[in-house]
Amino acid sequence: MELSRLDWRRASKSHEDGDQCVEIASGSDEVSLRDSKDPDGPKLVVSRSDFRYFVSVLKAT
């Protein structure tokens, strides 16, 4: 997957000047995450099912 061509999105509750923002982008089978302060830095790419599990755990806490 070409990560530079993805449509990166930031959480709607984030502010432009926020210092702790994560952006996500969806591919056909994967979800990519990156630090909004360093868009050219490392990215984490996980399967859609792993991302759904991750979100469900966050919501449960």
PDB file of N, CA and C in Angstrom:
ATOM      1  N   MET A   1       0.845  -1.172   0.000  1.00  0.00           N
ATOM      2  CA  MET A   1       0.000   0.000   0.000  1.00  0.00           C
ATOM      3  C   MET A   1       0.897   1.245   0.000  1.00  0.00           C
ATOM      4  N   GLU A   2       0.596   2.170  -0.862  1.00  0.00           N
ATOM      5  CA  GLU A   2       1.345   3.427  -0.948  1.00  0.00           C
ATOM      6  C   GLU A   2       0.783   4.393   0.104  1.00  0.00           C
ATOM      7  N   LEU A   3       1.489   4.536   1.227  1.00  0.00           N
ATOM      8  CA  LEU A   3       0.978   5.313   2.355  1.00  0.00           C
ATOM      9  C   LEU A   3       0.857   6.803   2.057  1.00  0.00           C
ATOM     10  N   SER A   4       1.680   7.327   1.182  1.00  0.00           N
ATOM     11  CA  SER A   4       1.626   8.765   0.904  1.00  0.00           C
ATOM     12  C   SER A   4       0.370   9.164   0.139  1.00  0.00           C
ATOM     13  N   ARG A   5      -0.290   8.214  -0.498  1.00  0.00           N
ATOM     14  CA  ARG A   5      -1.492   8.522  -1.280  1.00  0.00           C
ATOM     15  C   ARG A   5      -2.787   8.345  -0.498  1.00  0.00           C
ATOM     16  N   LEU A   6      -2.688   7.920   0.738  1.00  0.00           N
ATOM     17  CA  LEU A   6      -3.880   7.688   1.537  1.00  0.00           C
ATOM     18  C   LEU A   6      -4.502   9.005   1.990  1.00  0.00           C
ATOM     19  N   ASP A   7      -5.771   8.952   2.307  1.00  0.00           N
ATOM     20  CA  ASP A   7      -6.496  10.106   2.830  1.00  0.00           C
ATOM     21  C   ASP A   7      -6.417  10.050   4.352  1.00  0.00           C
ATOM     22  N   TRP A   8      -5.452  10.779   4.923  1.00  0.00           N
ATOM     23  CA  TRP A   8      -5.223  10.768   6.361  1.00  0.00           C
ATOM     24  C   TRP A   8      -6.258  11.641   7.056  1.00  0.00           C
ATOM     25  N   ARG A   9      -6.802  11.146   8.177  1.00  0.00           N
ATOM     26  CA  ARG A   9      -7.820  11.884   8.930  1.00  0.00           C
ATOM     27  C   ARG A   9      -7.401  12.001  10.388  1.00  0.00           C
ATOM     28  N   ARG A  10      -7.718  13.143  10.958  1.00  0.00           N
ATOM     29  CA  ARG A  10      -7.443  13.395  12.366  1.00  0.00           C
ATOM     30  C   ARG A  10      -8.772  13.363  13.118  1.00  0.00           C
ATOM     31  N   ALA A  11      -8.744  12.985  14.373  1.00  0.00           N
ATOM     32  CA  ALA A  11      -9.959  12.949  15.178  1.00  0.00           C
ATOM     33  C   ALA A  11     -10.642  14.306  15.175  1.00  0.00           C
ATOM     34  N   SER A  12     -11.953  14.297  15.118  1.00  0.00           N
ATOM     35  CA  SER A  12     -12.711  15.548  15.053  1.00  0.00           C
ATOM     36  C   SER A  12     -12.545  16.387  16.308  1.00  0.00           C
ATOM     37  N   LYS A  13     -12.190  15.784  17.417  1.00  0.00           N
ATOM     38  CA  LYS A  13     -12.001  16.536  18.659  1.00  0.00           C
ATOM     39  C   LYS A  13     -10.577  17.063  18.805  1.00  0.00           C
ATOM     40  N   SER A  14      -9.720  16.796  17.852  1.00  0.00           N
ATOM     41  CA  SER A  14      -8.353  17.309  17.887  1.00  0.00           C
ATOM     42  C   SER A  14      -8.326  18.749  17.421  1.00  0.00           C
ATOM     43  N   HIS A  15      -7.353  19.471  17.899  1.00  0.00           N
ATOM     44  CA  HIS A  15      -7.150  20.850  17.480  1.00  0.00           C
ATOM     45  C   HIS A  15      -5.893  20.915  16.633  1.00  0.00           C
ATOM     46  N   GLU A  16      -5.838  21.865  15.732  1.00  0.00           N
ATOM     47  CA  GLU A  16      -4.658  22.012  14.868  1.00  0.00           C
ATOM     48  C   GLU A  16      -3.381  22.185  15.681  1.00  0.00           C
ATOM     49  N   ASP A  17      -3.455  22.875  16.814  1.00  0.00           N
ATOM     50  CA  ASP A  17      -2.264  23.119  17.614  1.00  0.00           C
ATOM     51  C   ASP A  17      -2.060  22.062  18.691  1.00  0.00           C
ATOM     52  N   GLY A  18      -2.856  20.988  18.658  1.00  0.00           N
ATOM     53  CA  GLY A  18      -2.732  19.919  19.648  1.00  0.00           C
ATOM     54  C   GLY A  18      -1.389  19.233  19.546  1.00  0.00           C
ATOM     55  N   ASP A  19      -0.876  18.811  20.689  1.00  0.00           N
ATOM     56  CA  ASP A  19       0.447  18.193  20.685  1.00  0.00           C
ATOM     57  C   ASP A  19       0.399  16.674  20.769  1.00  0.00           C
ATOM     58  N   GLN A  20      -0.791  16.090  20.792  1.00  0.00           N
ATOM     59  CA  GLN A  20      -0.883  14.641  20.885  1.00  0.00           C
ATOM     60  C   GLN A  20      -1.955  14.122  19.944  1.00  0.00           C
ATOM     61  N   CYS A  21      -1.739  14.276  18.671  1.00  0.00           N
ATOM     62  CA  CYS A  21      -2.737  13.860  17.685  1.00  0.00           C
ATOM     63  C   CYS A  21      -2.247  12.650  16.899  1.00  0.00           C
ATOM     64  N   VAL A  22      -3.173  11.755  16.666  1.00  0.00           N
ATOM     65  CA  VAL A  22      -2.908  10.594  15.833  1.00  0.00           C
ATOM     66  C   VAL A  22      -3.827  10.697  14.629  1.00  0.00           C
ATOM     67  N   GLU A  23      -3.294  10.393  13.467  1.00  0.00           N
ATOM     68  CA  GLU A  23      -4.087  10.378  12.241  1.00  0.00           C
ATOM     69  C   GLU A  23      -4.211   8.938  11.776  1.00  0.00           C
ATOM     70  N   ILE A  24      -5.341   8.636  11.139  1.00  0.00           N
ATOM     71  CA  ILE A  24      -5.537   7.296  10.590  1.00  0.00           C
ATOM     72  C   ILE A  24      -5.914   7.392   9.119  1.00  0.00           C
ATOM     73  N   ALA A  25      -5.640   6.321   8.418  1.00  0.00           N
ATOM     74  CA  ALA A  25      -6.026   6.199   7.007  1.00  0.00           C
ATOM     75  C   ALA A  25      -6.399   4.746   6.771  1.00  0.00           C
ATOM     76  N   SER A  26      -7.434   4.543   5.980  1.00  0.00           N
ATOM     77  CA  SER A  26      -7.905   3.185   5.705  1.00  0.00           C
ATOM     78  C   SER A  26      -7.549   2.757   4.297  1.00  0.00           C
ATOM     79  N   GLY A  27      -7.014   1.562   4.194  1.00  0.00           N
ATOM     80  CA  GLY A  27      -6.818   0.915   2.913  1.00  0.00           C
ATOM     81  C   GLY A  27      -7.876  -0.165   2.761  1.00  0.00           C
ATOM     82  N   SER A  28      -7.764  -0.993   1.777  1.00  0.00           N
ATOM     83  CA  SER A  28      -8.780  -2.021   1.572  1.00  0.00           C
ATOM     84  C   SER A  28      -8.757  -3.079   2.679  1.00  0.00           C
ATOM     85  N   ASP A  29      -7.585  -3.461   3.141  1.00  0.00           N
ATOM     86  CA  ASP A  29      -7.472  -4.500   4.163  1.00  0.00           C
ATOM     87  C   ASP A  29      -6.773  -4.044   5.430  1.00  0.00           C
ATOM     88  N   GLU A  30      -6.277  -2.809   5.428  1.00  0.00           N
ATOM     89  CA  GLU A  30      -5.438  -2.358   6.530  1.00  0.00           C
ATOM     90  C   GLU A  30      -5.832  -0.954   6.984  1.00  0.00           C
ATOM     91  N   VAL A  31      -5.418  -0.642   8.207  1.00  0.00           N
ATOM     92  CA  VAL A  31      -5.571   0.698   8.757  1.00  0.00           C
ATOM     93  C   VAL A  31      -4.173   1.174   9.128  1.00  0.00           C
ATOM     94  N   SER A  32      -3.848   2.404   8.741  1.00  0.00           N
ATOM     95  CA  SER A  32      -2.538   2.976   9.033  1.00  0.00           C
ATOM     96  C   SER A  32      -2.692   4.099  10.036  1.00  0.00           C
ATOM     97  N   LEU A  33      -1.724   4.228  10.929  1.00  0.00           N
ATOM     98  CA  LEU A  33      -1.725   5.270  11.946  1.00  0.00           C
ATOM     99  C   LEU A  33      -0.394   6.001  11.890  1.00  0.00           C
ATOM    100  N   ARG A  34      -0.438   7.316  12.180  1.00  0.00           N
ATOM    101  CA  ARG A  34       0.796   8.097  12.227  1.00  0.00           C
ATOM    102  C   ARG A  34       0.625   9.247  13.211  1.00  0.00           C
ATOM    103  N   ASP A  35       1.733   9.809  13.619  1.00  0.00           N
ATOM    104  CA  ASP A  35       1.760  10.975  14.492  1.00  0.00           C
ATOM    105  C   ASP A  35       1.571  12.209  13.621  1.00  0.00           C
ATOM    106  N   SER A  36       0.578  13.021  13.922  1.00  0.00           N
ATOM    107  CA  SER A  36       0.293  14.184  13.075  1.00  0.00           C
ATOM    108  C   SER A  36       1.422  15.207  13.086  1.00  0.00           C
ATOM    109  N   LYS A  37       2.243  15.208  14.131  1.00  0.00           N
ATOM    110  CA  LYS A  37       3.371  16.148  14.186  1.00  0.00           C
ATOM    111  C   LYS A  37       4.518  15.720  13.278  1.00  0.00           C
ATOM    112  N   ASP A  38       4.521  14.458  12.884  1.00  0.00           N
ATOM    113  CA  ASP A  38       5.610  13.917  12.069  1.00  0.00           C
ATOM    114  C   ASP A  38       5.029  13.057  10.940  1.00  0.00           C
ATOM    115  N   PRO A  39       4.320  13.692   9.984  1.00  0.00           N
ATOM    116  CA  PRO A  39       3.645  12.915   8.944  1.00  0.00           C
ATOM    117  C   PRO A  39       4.591  12.112   8.048  1.00  0.00           C
ATOM    118  N   ASP A  40       5.855  12.483   8.001  1.00  0.00           N
ATOM    119  CA  ASP A  40       6.812  11.731   7.190  1.00  0.00           C
ATOM    120  C   ASP A  40       7.550  10.684   8.009  1.00  0.00           C
ATOM    121  N   GLY A  41       7.246  10.618   9.289  1.00  0.00           N
ATOM    122  CA  GLY A  41       7.897   9.667  10.181  1.00  0.00           C
ATOM    123  C   GLY A  41       7.302   8.276  10.058  1.00  0.00           C
ATOM    124  N   PRO A  42       7.579   7.439  11.041  1.00  0.00           N
ATOM    125  CA  PRO A  42       7.108   6.056  10.987  1.00  0.00           C
ATOM    126  C   PRO A  42       5.592   5.954  11.055  1.00  0.00           C
ATOM    127  N   LYS A  43       5.076   4.904  10.456  1.00  0.00           N
ATOM    128  CA  LYS A  43       3.651   4.610  10.457  1.00  0.00           C
ATOM    129  C   LYS A  43       3.440   3.200  10.990  1.00  0.00           C
ATOM    130  N   LEU A  44       2.302   3.012  11.615  1.00  0.00           N
ATOM    131  CA  LEU A  44       1.915   1.692  12.091  1.00  0.00           C
ATOM    132  C   LEU A  44       0.797   1.206  11.184  1.00  0.00           C
ATOM    133  N   VAL A  45       0.956   0.030  10.627  1.00  0.00           N
ATOM    134  CA  VAL A  45      -0.049  -0.541   9.722  1.00  0.00           C
ATOM    135  C   VAL A  45      -0.546  -1.843  10.339  1.00  0.00           C
ATOM    136  N   VAL A  46      -1.868  -1.921  10.553  1.00  0.00           N
ATOM    137  CA  VAL A  46      -2.468  -3.101  11.165  1.00  0.00           C
ATOM    138  C   VAL A  46      -3.659  -3.559  10.320  1.00  0.00           C
ATOM    139  N   SER A  47      -4.049  -4.797  10.530  1.00  0.00           N
ATOM    140  CA  SER A  47      -5.220  -5.298   9.811  1.00  0.00           C
ATOM    141  C   SER A  47      -6.477  -4.607  10.341  1.00  0.00           C
ATOM    142  N   ARG A  48      -7.518  -4.603   9.528  1.00  0.00           N
ATOM    143  CA  ARG A  48      -8.786  -3.991   9.955  1.00  0.00           C
ATOM    144  C   ARG A  48      -9.326  -4.690  11.202  1.00  0.00           C
ATOM    145  N   SER A  49      -9.221  -6.001  11.252  1.00  0.00           N
ATOM    146  CA  SER A  49      -9.743  -6.724  12.417  1.00  0.00           C
ATOM    147  C   SER A  49      -8.957  -6.386  13.675  1.00  0.00           C
ATOM    148  N   ASP A  50      -7.644  -6.265  13.575  1.00  0.00           N
ATOM    149  CA  ASP A  50      -6.842  -5.870  14.732  1.00  0.00           C
ATOM    150  C   ASP A  50      -7.188  -4.456  15.177  1.00  0.00           C
ATOM    151  N   PHE A  51      -7.439  -3.549  14.231  1.00  0.00           N
ATOM    152  CA  PHE A  51      -7.800  -2.182  14.583  1.00  0.00           C
ATOM    153  C   PHE A  51      -9.163  -2.150  15.268  1.00  0.00           C
ATOM    154  N   ARG A  52     -10.122  -2.918  14.766  1.00  0.00           N
ATOM    155  CA  ARG A  52     -11.442  -2.985  15.408  1.00  0.00           C
ATOM    156  C   ARG A  52     -11.311  -3.490  16.848  1.00  0.00           C
ATOM    157  N   TYR A  53     -10.475  -4.501  17.046  1.00  0.00           N
ATOM    158  CA  TYR A  53     -10.254  -5.028  18.396  1.00  0.00           C
ATOM    159  C   TYR A  53      -9.627  -3.947  19.284  1.00  0.00           C
ATOM    160  N   PHE A  54      -8.629  -3.262  18.790  1.00  0.00           N
ATOM    161  CA  PHE A  54      -7.960  -2.182  19.512  1.00  0.00           C
ATOM    162  C   PHE A  54      -8.972  -1.124  19.954  1.00  0.00           C
ATOM    163  N   VAL A  55      -9.828  -0.688  19.050  1.00  0.00           N
ATOM    164  CA  VAL A  55     -10.849   0.327  19.370  1.00  0.00           C
ATOM    165  C   VAL A  55     -11.829  -0.210  20.408  1.00  0.00           C
ATOM    166  N   SER A  56     -12.222  -1.460  20.286  1.00  0.00           N
ATOM    167  CA  SER A  56     -13.169  -2.022  21.257  1.00  0.00           C
ATOM    168  C   SER A  56     -12.566  -2.071  22.661  1.00  0.00           C
ATOM    169  N   VAL A  57     -11.285  -2.361  22.744  1.00  0.00           N
ATOM    170  CA  VAL A  57     -10.610  -2.372  24.050  1.00  0.00           C
ATOM    171  C   VAL A  57     -10.551  -0.957  24.620  1.00  0.00           C
ATOM    172  N   LEU A  58     -10.242   0.029  23.775  1.00  0.00           N
ATOM    173  CA  LEU A  58     -10.211   1.415  24.250  1.00  0.00           C
ATOM    174  C   LEU A  58     -11.587   1.863  24.746  1.00  0.00           C
ATOM    175  N   LYS A  59     -12.621   1.505  24.039  1.00  0.00           N
ATOM    176  CA  LYS A  59     -13.974   1.900  24.437  1.00  0.00           C
ATOM    177  C   LYS A  59     -14.389   1.235  25.742  1.00  0.00           C
ATOM    178  N   ALA A  60     -13.879   0.040  26.011  1.00  0.00           N
ATOM    179  CA  ALA A  60     -14.247  -0.707  27.217  1.00  0.00           C
ATOM    180  C   ALA A  60     -13.547  -0.180  28.463  1.00  0.00           C
ATOM    181  N   THR A  61     -12.521   0.612  28.292  1.00  0.00           N
ATOM    182  CA  THR A  61     -11.776   1.106  29.462  1.00  0.00           C
ATOM    183  C   THR A  61     -12.254   2.455  29.914  1.00  0.00           C
TER     184      THR A  61
END
